[in-house]
PDB file of N, CA and C in Angstrom:
ATOM      1  N   MET A   1     -32.314  28.835  36.392  1.00  0.00           N
ATOM      2  CA  MET A   1     -33.306  29.676  35.677  1.00  0.00           C
ATOM      3  C   MET A   1     -34.231  28.760  34.858  1.00  0.00           C
ATOM      4  N   THR A   2     -35.519  28.995  34.979  1.00  0.00           N
ATOM      5  CA  THR A   2     -36.484  28.165  34.246  1.00  0.00           C
ATOM      6  C   THR A   2     -36.800  28.766  32.889  1.00  0.00           C
ATOM      7  N   GLY A   3     -37.542  28.031  32.062  1.00  0.00           N
ATOM      8  CA  GLY A   3     -37.883  28.522  30.722  1.00  0.00           C
ATOM      9  C   GLY A   3     -38.751  29.762  30.801  1.00  0.00           C
ATOM     10  N   GLN A   4     -39.647  29.811  31.799  1.00  0.00           N
ATOM     11  CA  GLN A   4     -40.542  30.964  31.909  1.00  0.00           C
ATOM     12  C   GLN A   4     -39.749  32.230  32.219  1.00  0.00           C
ATOM     13  N   GLU A   5     -38.780  32.116  33.119  1.00  0.00           N
ATOM     14  CA  GLU A   5     -37.981  33.284  33.479  1.00  0.00           C
ATOM     15  C   GLU A   5     -37.197  33.787  32.275  1.00  0.00           C
ATOM     16  N   ASP A   6     -36.728  32.842  31.468  1.00  0.00           N
ATOM     17  CA  ASP A   6     -35.944  33.221  30.297  1.00  0.00           C
ATOM     18  C   ASP A   6     -36.823  33.985  29.317  1.00  0.00           C
ATOM     19  N   ARG A   7     -38.095  33.590  29.240  1.00  0.00           N
ATOM     20  CA  ARG A   7     -39.013  34.264  28.311  1.00  0.00           C
ATOM     21  C   ARG A   7     -39.318  35.680  28.799  1.00  0.00           C
ATOM     22  N   GLU A   8     -39.358  35.841  30.115  1.00  0.00           N
ATOM     23  CA  GLU A   8     -39.647  37.180  30.656  1.00  0.00           C
ATOM     24  C   GLU A   8     -38.510  38.142  30.329  1.00  0.00           C
ATOM     25  N   VAL A   9     -37.290  37.612  30.331  1.00  0.00           N
ATOM     26  CA  VAL A   9     -36.116  38.449  30.030  1.00  0.00           C
ATOM     27  C   VAL A   9     -36.021  38.692  28.528  1.00  0.00           C
ATOM     28  N   HIS A  10     -36.376  37.664  27.756  1.00  0.00           N
ATOM     29  CA  HIS A  10     -36.333  37.776  26.294  1.00  0.00           C
ATOM     30  C   HIS A  10     -37.711  37.458  25.717  1.00  0.00           C
ATOM     31  N   PRO A  11     -38.615  38.423  25.713  1.00  0.00           N
ATOM     32  CA  PRO A  11     -39.992  38.188  25.265  1.00  0.00           C
ATOM     33  C   PRO A  11     -40.089  37.742  23.814  1.00  0.00           C
ATOM     34  N   TYR A  12     -39.049  38.005  23.038  1.00  0.00           N
ATOM     35  CA  TYR A  12     -39.106  37.642  21.620  1.00  0.00           C
ATOM     36  C   TYR A  12     -38.397  36.311  21.351  1.00  0.00           C
ATOM     37  N   SER A  13     -37.971  35.635  22.443  1.00  0.00           N
ATOM     38  CA  SER A  13     -37.232  34.379  22.267  1.00  0.00           C
ATOM     39  C   SER A  13     -38.030  33.385  21.432  1.00  0.00           C
ATOM     40  N   ASP A  14     -39.326  33.226  21.735  1.00  0.00           N
ATOM     41  CA  ASP A  14     -40.157  32.269  20.988  1.00  0.00           C
ATOM     42  C   ASP A  14     -40.214  32.646  19.513  1.00  0.00           C
ATOM     43  N   PHE A  15     -40.249  33.935  19.212  1.00  0.00           N
ATOM     44  CA  PHE A  15     -40.322  34.379  17.817  1.00  0.00           C
ATOM     45  C   PHE A  15     -38.988  34.152  17.112  1.00  0.00           C
ATOM     46  N   LEU A  16     -37.893  34.435  17.817  1.00  0.00           N
ATOM     47  CA  LEU A  16     -36.570  34.286  17.211  1.00  0.00           C
ATOM     48  C   LEU A  16     -36.222  32.829  16.996  1.00  0.00           C
ATOM     49  N   GLU A  17     -36.803  31.934  17.804  1.00  0.00           N
ATOM     50  CA  GLU A  17     -36.495  30.505  17.671  1.00  0.00           C
ATOM     51  C   GLU A  17     -36.871  29.992  16.287  1.00  0.00           C
ATOM     52  N   HIS A  18     -37.811  30.659  15.627  1.00  0.00           N
ATOM     53  CA  HIS A  18     -38.247  30.212  14.304  1.00  0.00           C
ATOM     54  C   HIS A  18     -37.372  30.801  13.193  1.00  0.00           C
ATOM     55  N   ILE A  19     -36.374  31.624  13.586  1.00  0.00           N
ATOM     56  CA  ILE A  19     -35.496  32.246  12.591  1.00  0.00           C
ATOM     57  C   ILE A  19     -34.072  31.727  12.779  1.00  0.00           C
ATOM     58  N   PRO A  20     -33.418  31.305  11.711  1.00  0.00           N
ATOM     59  CA  PRO A  20     -32.045  30.795  11.806  1.00  0.00           C
ATOM     60  C   PRO A  20     -31.100  31.818  12.418  1.00  0.00           C
ATOM     61  N   LYS A  21     -30.165  31.359  13.252  1.00  0.00           N
ATOM     62  CA  LYS A  21     -29.215  32.281  13.880  1.00  0.00           C
ATOM     63  C   LYS A  21     -28.390  33.001  12.829  1.00  0.00           C
ATOM     64  N   SER A  22     -28.165  32.356  11.702  1.00  0.00           N
ATOM     65  CA  SER A  22     -27.371  32.968  10.628  1.00  0.00           C
ATOM     66  C   SER A  22     -28.044  34.227  10.110  1.00  0.00           C
ATOM     67  N   VAL A  23     -29.369  34.320  10.310  1.00  0.00           N
ATOM     68  CA  VAL A  23     -30.111  35.506   9.857  1.00  0.00           C
ATOM     69  C   VAL A  23     -30.184  36.532  10.977  1.00  0.00           C
ATOM     70  N   ILE A  24     -30.255  36.051  12.224  1.00  0.00           N
ATOM     71  CA  ILE A  24     -30.385  36.956  13.371  1.00  0.00           C
ATOM     72  C   ILE A  24     -29.066  37.636  13.714  1.00  0.00           C
ATOM     73  N   GLU A  25     -27.987  36.855  13.783  1.00  0.00           N
ATOM     74  CA  GLU A  25     -26.697  37.403  14.204  1.00  0.00           C
ATOM     75  C   GLU A  25     -26.277  38.647  13.424  1.00  0.00           C
ATOM     76  N   PRO A  26     -26.363  38.667  12.088  1.00  0.00           N
ATOM     77  CA  PRO A  26     -25.972  39.866  11.338  1.00  0.00           C
ATOM     78  C   PRO A  26     -26.823  41.083  11.687  1.00  0.00           C
ATOM     79  N   LEU A  27     -28.071  40.850  12.081  1.00  0.00           N
ATOM     80  CA  LEU A  27     -28.974  41.965  12.370  1.00  0.00           C
ATOM     81  C   LEU A  27     -28.677  42.577  13.737  1.00  0.00           C
ATOM     82  N   ILE A  28     -28.316  41.717  14.717  1.00  0.00           N
ATOM     83  CA  ILE A  28     -28.077  42.215  16.067  1.00  0.00           C
ATOM     84  C   ILE A  28     -26.600  42.485  16.314  1.00  0.00           C
ATOM     85  N   ALA A  29     -25.763  42.151  15.336  1.00  0.00           N
ATOM     86  CA  ALA A  29     -24.315  42.331  15.506  1.00  0.00           C
ATOM     87  C   ALA A  29     -23.967  43.818  15.590  1.00  0.00           C
TER      88      ALA A  29
END
């Protein structure tokens, strides 16, 4: 799987990359 395909599946990946996982995980948990 290439980076472009991953972005198509997760369109917000680029946006989430700028947010620490410690902040994201509690929200999506």
